C-alpha cells in the first residue's frame, strides 16, 4: 500500500488512523462473536452493547474519512470495502447468530435464518444499494435492530418468523428507505429521532430503567416511524412513475 506522493506525513498518518478507527469495528465484531458463543443473558446484553459501539463507529468514520480526504491521500486502500466487510458482520451475520443462539426461534424454524443472510448478501452486493436522491434501496439489512427487538420482546414464533421473512423479501423490492446521513429536512429530523432512540436503547442495555420492557416497547415508535415514512416516500414515487408512463 503506497500513499500519494507529496502528501504531508501528518495527513498520511491521519488517513491511516481513520482506517484503523474503522477497523476497530472488526475487533468489536470478534468480541461480539465470543459473547454469543458463550451464551446467557449477560453475554447477550454485552453483545448488544458492543453492537451499539460498532454502529457508532460505522456512523462516525465516514465523517472522519471525508475530513481527512482519505480517498485522495491513500488511493490504493479502499476504506469502503473494509467498511462493508465489517458491516456485514455487525449488521447481519452476528445478529442472526444471536437470534439462533438465544433460541428466539424454535429449532425447526432456525433454517429460515439463512433467508436474511442470503438476502443481505444480495443487498450488500448491489451496485445501486443507494439511490441517486439519497435513499437506501431495499430493506437496508438492519438485522441488529431486528435481533434486539426479537430478543427483548420475544413475540410468538409465527410473528418472529413472519417478521424475518417479510423483511428479507423487502430487500429485493425496489423501495426507498431513509438514509439519515444524507442532507434534507426530513433526514435532519430523522437524525434527531435516531439519537433519542439510540439513547433509550443504550439505557435499556445498561439496565438503567426499572421497567426495561416498557422502554423497549416505547422505543418501537422509531422503527415504526422509519418504516412508515420510508414507505410513504416509496408509494409516492411509484405513483409518480405510473403517471409518467
C-alpha atoms as a PDB file:
ATOM      1  CA  UNK A   1       0.000   0.000   0.000  1.00  0.00           C
ATOM      2  CA  UNK A   2       1.524   3.289  -1.030  1.00  0.00           C
ATOM      3  CA  UNK A   3       0.379   6.749  -0.147  1.00  0.00           C
ATOM      4  CA  UNK A   4       0.005   9.582  -2.618  1.00  0.00           C
ATOM      5  CA  UNK A   5       3.349  11.269  -3.263  1.00  0.00           C
ATOM      6  CA  UNK A   6       3.802  14.752  -1.933  1.00  0.00           C
ATOM      7  CA  UNK A   7       1.237  14.375   0.855  1.00  0.00           C
ATOM      8  CA  UNK A   8       2.376  15.670   4.264  1.00  0.00           C
ATOM      9  CA  UNK A   9       3.335  12.825   6.587  1.00  0.00           C
ATOM     10  CA  UNK A  10       0.847  14.003   9.209  1.00  0.00           C
ATOM     11  CA  UNK A  11      -2.032  13.774   6.733  1.00  0.00           C
ATOM     12  CA  UNK A  12      -0.956  10.263   5.715  1.00  0.00           C
ATOM     13  CA  UNK A  13      -0.818   9.189   9.362  1.00  0.00           C
ATOM     14  CA  UNK A  14      -4.247  10.737   9.944  1.00  0.00           C
ATOM     15  CA  UNK A  15      -5.671   8.875   6.950  1.00  0.00           C
ATOM     16  CA  UNK A  16      -4.342   5.535   8.197  1.00  0.00           C
ATOM     17  CA  UNK A  17      -5.665   6.447  11.617  1.00  0.00           C
ATOM     18  CA  UNK A  18      -9.165   6.776  10.183  1.00  0.00           C
ATOM     19  CA  UNK A  19      -8.875   3.340   8.572  1.00  0.00           C
ATOM     20  CA  UNK A  20      -7.651   1.939  11.872  1.00  0.00           C
ATOM     21  CA  UNK A  21     -10.660   3.521  13.582  1.00  0.00           C
ATOM     22  CA  UNK A  22     -12.931   1.798  11.044  1.00  0.00           C
ATOM     23  CA  UNK A  23     -11.113  -1.489  11.677  1.00  0.00           C
ATOM     24  CA  UNK A  24     -11.967  -1.312  15.398  1.00  0.00           C
ATOM     25  CA  UNK A  25     -15.430  -2.362  14.283  1.00  0.00           C
ATOM     26  CA  UNK A  26     -13.929  -5.719  13.331  1.00  0.00           C
ATOM     27  CA  UNK A  27     -12.387  -6.060  16.788  1.00  0.00           C
ATOM     28  CA  UNK A  28     -15.787  -5.320  18.302  1.00  0.00           C
ATOM     29  CA  UNK A  29     -17.332  -7.920  15.995  1.00  0.00           C
ATOM     30  CA  UNK A  30     -14.858 -10.536  17.231  1.00  0.00           C
ATOM     31  CA  UNK A  31     -15.775  -9.775  20.833  1.00  0.00           C
ATOM     32  CA  UNK A  32     -19.472  -9.980  19.980  1.00  0.00           C
ATOM     33  CA  UNK A  33     -18.897 -13.418  18.441  1.00  0.00           C
ATOM     34  CA  UNK A  34     -17.152 -14.632  21.615  1.00  0.00           C
ATOM     35  CA  UNK A  35     -20.039 -13.406  23.776  1.00  0.00           C
ATOM     36  CA  UNK A  36     -22.673 -15.015  21.563  1.00  0.00           C
ATOM     37  CA  UNK A  37     -20.858 -18.355  21.617  1.00  0.00           C
ATOM     38  CA  UNK A  38     -20.558 -18.086  25.400  1.00  0.00           C
ATOM     39  CA  UNK A  39     -24.323 -17.547  25.654  1.00  0.00           C
ATOM     40  CA  UNK A  40     -26.510 -16.441  28.565  1.00  0.00           C
ATOM     41  CA  UNK A  41     -28.480 -13.262  29.239  1.00  0.00           C
ATOM     42  CA  UNK A  42     -25.481 -11.287  30.482  1.00  0.00           C
ATOM     43  CA  UNK A  43     -23.352 -12.243  27.487  1.00  0.00           C
ATOM     44  CA  UNK A  44     -26.168 -11.340  25.096  1.00  0.00           C
ATOM     45  CA  UNK A  45     -26.628  -7.975  26.833  1.00  0.00           C
ATOM     46  CA  UNK A  46     -22.925  -7.212  26.438  1.00  0.00           C
ATOM     47  CA  UNK A  47     -23.041  -8.397  22.828  1.00  0.00           C
ATOM     48  CA  UNK A  48     -25.802  -5.895  22.058  1.00  0.00           C
ATOM     49  CA  UNK A  49     -23.808  -3.148  23.797  1.00  0.00           C
ATOM     50  CA  UNK A  50     -20.819  -3.902  21.582  1.00  0.00           C
ATOM     51  CA  UNK A  51     -23.101  -3.863  18.531  1.00  0.00           C
ATOM     52  CA  UNK A  52     -24.151  -0.361  19.576  1.00  0.00           C
ATOM     53  CA  UNK A  53     -20.480   0.614  19.820  1.00  0.00           C
ATOM     54  CA  UNK A  54     -19.832  -0.858  16.356  1.00  0.00           C
ATOM     55  CA  UNK A  55     -22.782   1.093  14.965  1.00  0.00           C
ATOM     56  CA  UNK A  56     -21.351   4.279  16.474  1.00  0.00           C
ATOM     57  CA  UNK A  57     -18.023   3.622  14.742  1.00  0.00           C
ATOM     58  CA  UNK A  58     -19.844   2.983  11.465  1.00  0.00           C
ATOM     59  CA  UNK A  59     -21.862   6.190  11.846  1.00  0.00           C
ATOM     60  CA  UNK A  60     -18.826   8.385  12.532  1.00  0.00           C
ATOM     61  CA  UNK A  61     -15.949   7.022  10.458  1.00  0.00           C
ATOM     62  CA  UNK A  62     -17.357   8.414   7.215  1.00  0.00           C
ATOM     63  CA  UNK A  63     -17.243  11.989   8.515  1.00  0.00           C
ATOM     64  CA  UNK A  64     -13.661  11.485   9.662  1.00  0.00           C
ATOM     65  CA  UNK A  65     -12.724   9.989   6.290  1.00  0.00           C
ATOM     66  CA  UNK A  66     -14.162  12.975   4.437  1.00  0.00           C
ATOM     67  CA  UNK A  67     -12.435  15.417   6.797  1.00  0.00           C
ATOM     68  CA  UNK A  68      -9.043  13.808   6.166  1.00  0.00           C
ATOM     69  CA  UNK A  69      -9.865  13.083   2.486  1.00  0.00           C
ATOM     70  CA  UNK A  70      -8.616   9.511   2.791  1.00  0.00           C
ATOM     71  CA  UNK A  71      -9.562   8.578  -0.768  1.00  0.00           C
ATOM     72  CA  UNK A  72      -7.156  11.161  -2.159  1.00  0.00           C
ATOM     73  CA  UNK A  73      -4.404  10.637   0.415  1.00  0.00           C
ATOM     74  CA  UNK A  74      -4.477   6.812   0.250  1.00  0.00           C
ATOM     75  CA  UNK A  75      -5.919   5.984  -3.184  1.00  0.00           C
ATOM     76  CA  UNK A  76      -4.600   2.393  -3.062  1.00  0.00           C
ATOM     77  CA  UNK A  77      -6.667   1.438   0.007  1.00  0.00           C
ATOM     78  CA  UNK A  78     -10.447   1.046  -0.271  1.00  0.00           C
ATOM     79  CA  UNK A  79     -11.937   2.069   3.069  1.00  0.00           C
ATOM     80  CA  UNK A  80     -15.477   1.437   1.820  1.00  0.00           C
ATOM     81  CA  UNK A  81     -14.648  -2.197   1.154  1.00  0.00           C
ATOM     82  CA  UNK A  82     -13.281  -2.536   4.678  1.00  0.00           C
ATOM     83  CA  UNK A  83     -16.423  -0.863   5.998  1.00  0.00           C
ATOM     84  CA  UNK A  84     -18.685  -3.253   4.059  1.00  0.00           C
ATOM     85  CA  UNK A  85     -16.813  -6.300   5.373  1.00  0.00           C
ATOM     86  CA  UNK A  86     -17.280  -5.116   8.954  1.00  0.00           C
ATOM     87  CA  UNK A  87     -20.884  -4.025   8.442  1.00  0.00           C
ATOM     88  CA  UNK A  88     -21.875  -7.411   7.056  1.00  0.00           C
ATOM     89  CA  UNK A  89     -20.710  -8.986  10.299  1.00  0.00           C
ATOM     90  CA  UNK A  90     -22.111  -6.420  12.747  1.00  0.00           C
ATOM     91  CA  UNK A  91     -25.422  -5.816  10.946  1.00  0.00           C
ATOM     92  CA  UNK A  92     -26.105  -9.294   9.555  1.00  0.00           C
ATOM     93  CA  UNK A  93     -24.165 -12.419  10.499  1.00  0.00           C
ATOM     94  CA  UNK A  94     -23.679 -11.752  14.215  1.00  0.00           C
ATOM     95  CA  UNK A  95     -27.231 -10.535  14.948  1.00  0.00           C
ATOM     96  CA  UNK A  96     -28.626 -13.587  13.133  1.00  0.00           C
ATOM     97  CA  UNK A  97     -26.246 -15.819  15.067  1.00  0.00           C
ATOM     98  CA  UNK A  98     -27.513 -14.263  18.302  1.00  0.00           C
ATOM     99  CA  UNK A  99     -31.138 -14.889  17.281  1.00  0.00           C
ATOM    100  CA  UNK A 100     -30.248 -18.554  16.742  1.00  0.00           C
ATOM    101  CA  UNK A 101     -28.070 -18.931  19.850  1.00  0.00           C
ATOM    102  CA  UNK A 102     -30.639 -17.264  22.124  1.00  0.00           C
ATOM    103  CA  UNK A 103     -33.395 -19.571  20.925  1.00  0.00           C
ATOM    104  CA  UNK A 104     -35.618 -16.741  19.721  1.00  0.00           C
ATOM    105  CA  UNK A 105     -36.974 -19.087  17.042  1.00  0.00           C
ATOM    106  CA  UNK A 106     -37.972 -22.710  17.663  1.00  0.00           C
ATOM    107  CA  UNK A 107     -35.323 -25.161  16.470  1.00  0.00           C
ATOM    108  CA  UNK A 108     -37.439 -26.245  13.498  1.00  0.00           C
ATOM    109  CA  UNK A 109     -37.611 -22.632  12.269  1.00  0.00           C
ATOM    110  CA  UNK A 110     -33.883 -21.918  12.634  1.00  0.00           C
ATOM    111  CA  UNK A 111     -33.045 -22.772   8.971  1.00  0.00           C
ATOM    112  CA  UNK A 112     -35.148 -19.761   7.941  1.00  0.00           C
ATOM    113  CA  UNK A 113     -32.325 -17.565   9.251  1.00  0.00           C
ATOM    114  CA  UNK A 114     -30.466 -18.433   6.048  1.00  0.00           C
ATOM    115  CA  UNK A 115     -33.012 -16.306   4.161  1.00  0.00           C
ATOM    116  CA  UNK A 116     -31.983 -12.926   5.661  1.00  0.00           C
ATOM    117  CA  UNK A 117     -28.339 -13.998   5.367  1.00  0.00           C
ATOM    118  CA  UNK A 118     -28.645 -14.570   1.616  1.00  0.00           C
ATOM    119  CA  UNK A 119     -30.909 -11.554   1.120  1.00  0.00           C
ATOM    120  CA  UNK A 120     -28.376  -9.311   2.834  1.00  0.00           C
ATOM    121  CA  UNK A 121     -25.561 -10.711   0.689  1.00  0.00           C
ATOM    122  CA  UNK A 122     -27.654  -9.680  -2.330  1.00  0.00           C
ATOM    123  CA  UNK A 123     -28.337  -6.249  -0.840  1.00  0.00           C
ATOM    124  CA  UNK A 124     -24.714  -5.542   0.044  1.00  0.00           C
ATOM    125  CA  UNK A 125     -23.614  -6.565  -3.461  1.00  0.00           C
ATOM    126  CA  UNK A 126     -25.937  -4.225  -5.331  1.00  0.00           C
ATOM    127  CA  UNK A 127     -24.154  -1.508  -7.316  1.00  0.00           C
ATOM    128  CA  UNK A 128     -27.141   0.765  -6.655  1.00  0.00           C
ATOM    129  CA  UNK A 129     -27.720  -0.044  -2.995  1.00  0.00           C
ATOM    130  CA  UNK A 130     -28.273   3.701  -2.542  1.00  0.00           C
ATOM    131  CA  UNK A 131     -30.451   5.754  -4.858  1.00  0.00           C
ATOM    132  CA  UNK A 132     -29.303   8.886  -6.679  1.00  0.00           C
ATOM    133  CA  UNK A 133     -31.580  11.018  -4.479  1.00  0.00           C
ATOM    134  CA  UNK A 134     -30.055   9.761  -1.216  1.00  0.00           C
ATOM    135  CA  UNK A 135     -32.072   6.768  -0.006  1.00  0.00           C
ATOM    136  CA  UNK A 136     -31.284   3.130   0.674  1.00  0.00           C
ATOM    137  CA  UNK A 137     -32.826   0.865  -1.969  1.00  0.00           C
ATOM    138  CA  UNK A 138     -34.486  -2.202  -0.495  1.00  0.00           C
ATOM    139  CA  UNK A 139     -34.567  -3.062   3.186  1.00  0.00           C
ATOM    140  CA  UNK A 140     -31.121  -1.972   4.453  1.00  0.00           C
ATOM    141  CA  UNK A 141     -30.246  -5.117   6.467  1.00  0.00           C
ATOM    142  CA  UNK A 142     -30.751  -3.669   9.947  1.00  0.00           C
ATOM    143  CA  UNK A 143     -30.741  -7.149  11.443  1.00  0.00           C
ATOM    144  CA  UNK A 144     -29.029  -5.883  14.591  1.00  0.00           C
ATOM    145  CA  UNK A 145     -32.169  -3.840  15.288  1.00  0.00           C
ATOM    146  CA  UNK A 146     -34.447  -6.760  14.418  1.00  0.00           C
ATOM    147  CA  UNK A 147     -32.446  -9.053  16.704  1.00  0.00           C
ATOM    148  CA  UNK A 148     -32.675  -6.562  19.570  1.00  0.00           C
ATOM    149  CA  UNK A 149     -36.476  -6.432  19.455  1.00  0.00           C
ATOM    150  CA  UNK A 150     -36.986 -10.148  18.844  1.00  0.00           C
ATOM    151  CA  UNK A 151     -34.703 -10.971  21.766  1.00  0.00           C
ATOM    152  CA  UNK A 152     -36.175  -8.492  24.243  1.00  0.00           C
ATOM    153  CA  UNK A 153     -39.863  -8.762  23.318  1.00  0.00           C
ATOM    154  CA  UNK A 154     -39.972 -12.498  22.495  1.00  0.00           C
ATOM    155  CA  UNK A 155     -43.013 -12.372  20.193  1.00  0.00           C
ATOM    156  CA  UNK A 156     -44.856 -15.587  19.247  1.00  0.00           C
ATOM    157  CA  UNK A 157     -42.839 -17.832  16.950  1.00  0.00           C
ATOM    158  CA  UNK A 158     -45.114 -17.184  13.961  1.00  0.00           C
ATOM    159  CA  UNK A 159     -44.711 -13.413  14.352  1.00  0.00           C
ATOM    160  CA  UNK A 160     -40.937 -13.587  14.784  1.00  0.00           C
ATOM    161  CA  UNK A 161     -40.600 -15.813  11.719  1.00  0.00           C
ATOM    162  CA  UNK A 162     -43.021 -13.673   9.714  1.00  0.00           C
ATOM    163  CA  UNK A 163     -41.025 -10.538  10.536  1.00  0.00           C
ATOM    164  CA  UNK A 164     -37.788 -12.181   9.415  1.00  0.00           C
ATOM    165  CA  UNK A 165     -39.279 -13.481   6.161  1.00  0.00           C
ATOM    166  CA  UNK A 166     -41.062 -10.241   5.212  1.00  0.00           C
ATOM    167  CA  UNK A 167     -38.036  -8.038   5.894  1.00  0.00           C
ATOM    168  CA  UNK A 168     -35.821 -10.446   3.957  1.00  0.00           C
ATOM    169  CA  UNK A 169     -38.129 -10.268   0.932  1.00  0.00           C
ATOM    170  CA  UNK A 170     -38.242  -6.469   1.163  1.00  0.00           C
ATOM    171  CA  UNK A 171     -34.505  -6.481   0.413  1.00  0.00           C
ATOM    172  CA  UNK A 172     -35.425  -7.411  -3.182  1.00  0.00           C
ATOM    173  CA  UNK A 173     -38.182  -4.787  -3.551  1.00  0.00           C
ATOM    174  CA  UNK A 174     -37.021  -1.518  -5.210  1.00  0.00           C
ATOM    175  CA  UNK A 175     -38.323   0.591  -2.335  1.00  0.00           C
ATOM    176  CA  UNK A 176     -36.747   3.608  -0.658  1.00  0.00           C
ATOM    177  CA  UNK A 177     -35.607   3.802   2.958  1.00  0.00           C
ATOM    178  CA  UNK A 178     -34.450   6.896   4.817  1.00  0.00           C
ATOM    179  CA  UNK A 179     -30.696   7.491   4.903  1.00  0.00           C
ATOM    180  CA  UNK A 180     -30.260   9.919   7.796  1.00  0.00           C
ATOM    181  CA  UNK A 181     -26.681  10.904   6.948  1.00  0.00           C
ATOM    182  CA  UNK A 182     -27.930  12.483   3.715  1.00  0.00           C
ATOM    183  CA  UNK A 183     -28.992  16.169   3.552  1.00  0.00           C
ATOM    184  CA  UNK A 184     -32.604  17.308   3.741  1.00  0.00           C
ATOM    185  CA  UNK A 185     -35.065  18.448   6.401  1.00  0.00           C
ATOM    186  CA  UNK A 186     -36.650  15.019   6.819  1.00  0.00           C
ATOM    187  CA  UNK A 187     -33.248  13.406   7.324  1.00  0.00           C
ATOM    188  CA  UNK A 188     -32.296  16.098   9.838  1.00  0.00           C
ATOM    189  CA  UNK A 189     -35.339  15.246  11.923  1.00  0.00           C
ATOM    190  CA  UNK A 190     -34.576  11.544  11.490  1.00  0.00           C
ATOM    191  CA  UNK A 191     -31.081  12.111  12.862  1.00  0.00           C
ATOM    192  CA  UNK A 192     -32.576  13.712  15.966  1.00  0.00           C
ATOM    193  CA  UNK A 193     -35.064  10.848  16.411  1.00  0.00           C
ATOM    194  CA  UNK A 194     -32.260   8.314  15.863  1.00  0.00           C
ATOM    195  CA  UNK A 195     -30.145   9.937  18.580  1.00  0.00           C
ATOM    196  CA  UNK A 196     -33.014   9.869  21.103  1.00  0.00           C
ATOM    197  CA  UNK A 197     -33.876   6.283  20.168  1.00  0.00           C
ATOM    198  CA  UNK A 198     -30.235   5.230  20.484  1.00  0.00           C
ATOM    199  CA  UNK A 199     -30.003   6.738  23.964  1.00  0.00           C
ATOM    200  CA  UNK A 200     -33.131   4.839  25.029  1.00  0.00           C
ATOM    201  CA  UNK A 201     -31.709   1.537  23.788  1.00  0.00           C
ATOM    202  CA  UNK A 202     -28.383   2.261  25.467  1.00  0.00           C
ATOM    203  CA  UNK A 203     -30.115   2.915  28.790  1.00  0.00           C
ATOM    204  CA  UNK A 204     -32.018  -0.352  28.447  1.00  0.00           C
ATOM    205  CA  UNK A 205     -28.809  -2.273  27.772  1.00  0.00           C
ATOM    206  CA  UNK A 206     -27.113  -0.554  30.720  1.00  0.00           C
ATOM    207  CA  UNK A 207     -30.073  -1.689  32.853  1.00  0.00           C
ATOM    208  CA  UNK A 208     -30.958   1.822  33.990  1.00  0.00           C
ATOM    209  CA  UNK A 209     -34.799   1.713  33.722  1.00  0.00           C
ATOM    210  CA  UNK A 210     -36.743  -0.150  36.387  1.00  0.00           C
ATOM    211  CA  UNK A 211     -39.121  -1.470  33.733  1.00  0.00           C
ATOM    212  CA  UNK A 212     -36.884  -2.043  30.690  1.00  0.00           C
ATOM    213  CA  UNK A 213     -39.544  -3.963  28.761  1.00  0.00           C
ATOM    214  CA  UNK A 214     -41.826  -0.906  28.792  1.00  0.00           C
ATOM    215  CA  UNK A 215     -38.953   1.226  27.453  1.00  0.00           C
ATOM    216  CA  UNK A 216     -38.310  -1.316  24.695  1.00  0.00           C
ATOM    217  CA  UNK A 217     -41.967  -1.215  23.691  1.00  0.00           C
ATOM    218  CA  UNK A 218     -41.917   2.606  23.689  1.00  0.00           C
ATOM    219  CA  UNK A 219     -38.740   2.654  21.601  1.00  0.00           C
ATOM    220  CA  UNK A 220     -40.566   0.749  18.847  1.00  0.00           C
ATOM    221  CA  UNK A 221     -42.097   4.088  17.841  1.00  0.00           C
ATOM    222  CA  UNK A 222     -38.914   4.996  15.992  1.00  0.00           C
ATOM    223  CA  UNK A 223     -38.661   1.849  13.805  1.00  0.00           C
ATOM    224  CA  UNK A 224     -42.371   2.233  13.041  1.00  0.00           C
ATOM    225  CA  UNK A 225     -41.803   5.881  12.073  1.00  0.00           C
ATOM    226  CA  UNK A 226     -38.828   4.868   9.924  1.00  0.00           C
ATOM    227  CA  UNK A 227     -40.747   2.175   8.032  1.00  0.00           C
ATOM    228  CA  UNK A 228     -43.915   4.259   7.675  1.00  0.00           C
ATOM    229  CA  UNK A 229     -42.177   7.355   6.301  1.00  0.00           C
ATOM    230  CA  UNK A 230     -39.958   5.262   4.034  1.00  0.00           C
ATOM    231  CA  UNK A 231     -42.960   3.535   2.507  1.00  0.00           C
ATOM    232  CA  UNK A 232     -44.926   6.774   2.140  1.00  0.00           C
ATOM    233  CA  UNK A 233     -41.997   8.079   0.066  1.00  0.00           C
ATOM    234  CA  UNK A 234     -41.804   4.826  -1.898  1.00  0.00           C
ATOM    235  CA  UNK A 235     -45.528   4.751  -2.733  1.00  0.00           C
ATOM    236  CA  UNK A 236     -45.439   8.424  -3.705  1.00  0.00           C
ATOM    237  CA  UNK A 237     -42.593   7.764  -6.137  1.00  0.00           C
ATOM    238  CA  UNK A 238     -44.276   4.667  -7.563  1.00  0.00           C
ATOM    239  CA  UNK A 239     -47.436   6.702  -8.273  1.00  0.00           C
ATOM    240  CA  UNK A 240     -45.338   9.394  -9.946  1.00  0.00           C
ATOM    241  CA  UNK A 241     -43.650   6.812 -12.184  1.00  0.00           C
ATOM    242  CA  UNK A 242     -47.021   5.375 -13.231  1.00  0.00           C
ATOM    243  CA  UNK A 243     -48.254   8.847 -14.226  1.00  0.00           C
ATOM    244  CA  UNK A 244     -45.138   9.470 -16.311  1.00  0.00           C
ATOM    245  CA  UNK A 245     -45.734   6.235 -18.195  1.00  0.00           C
END
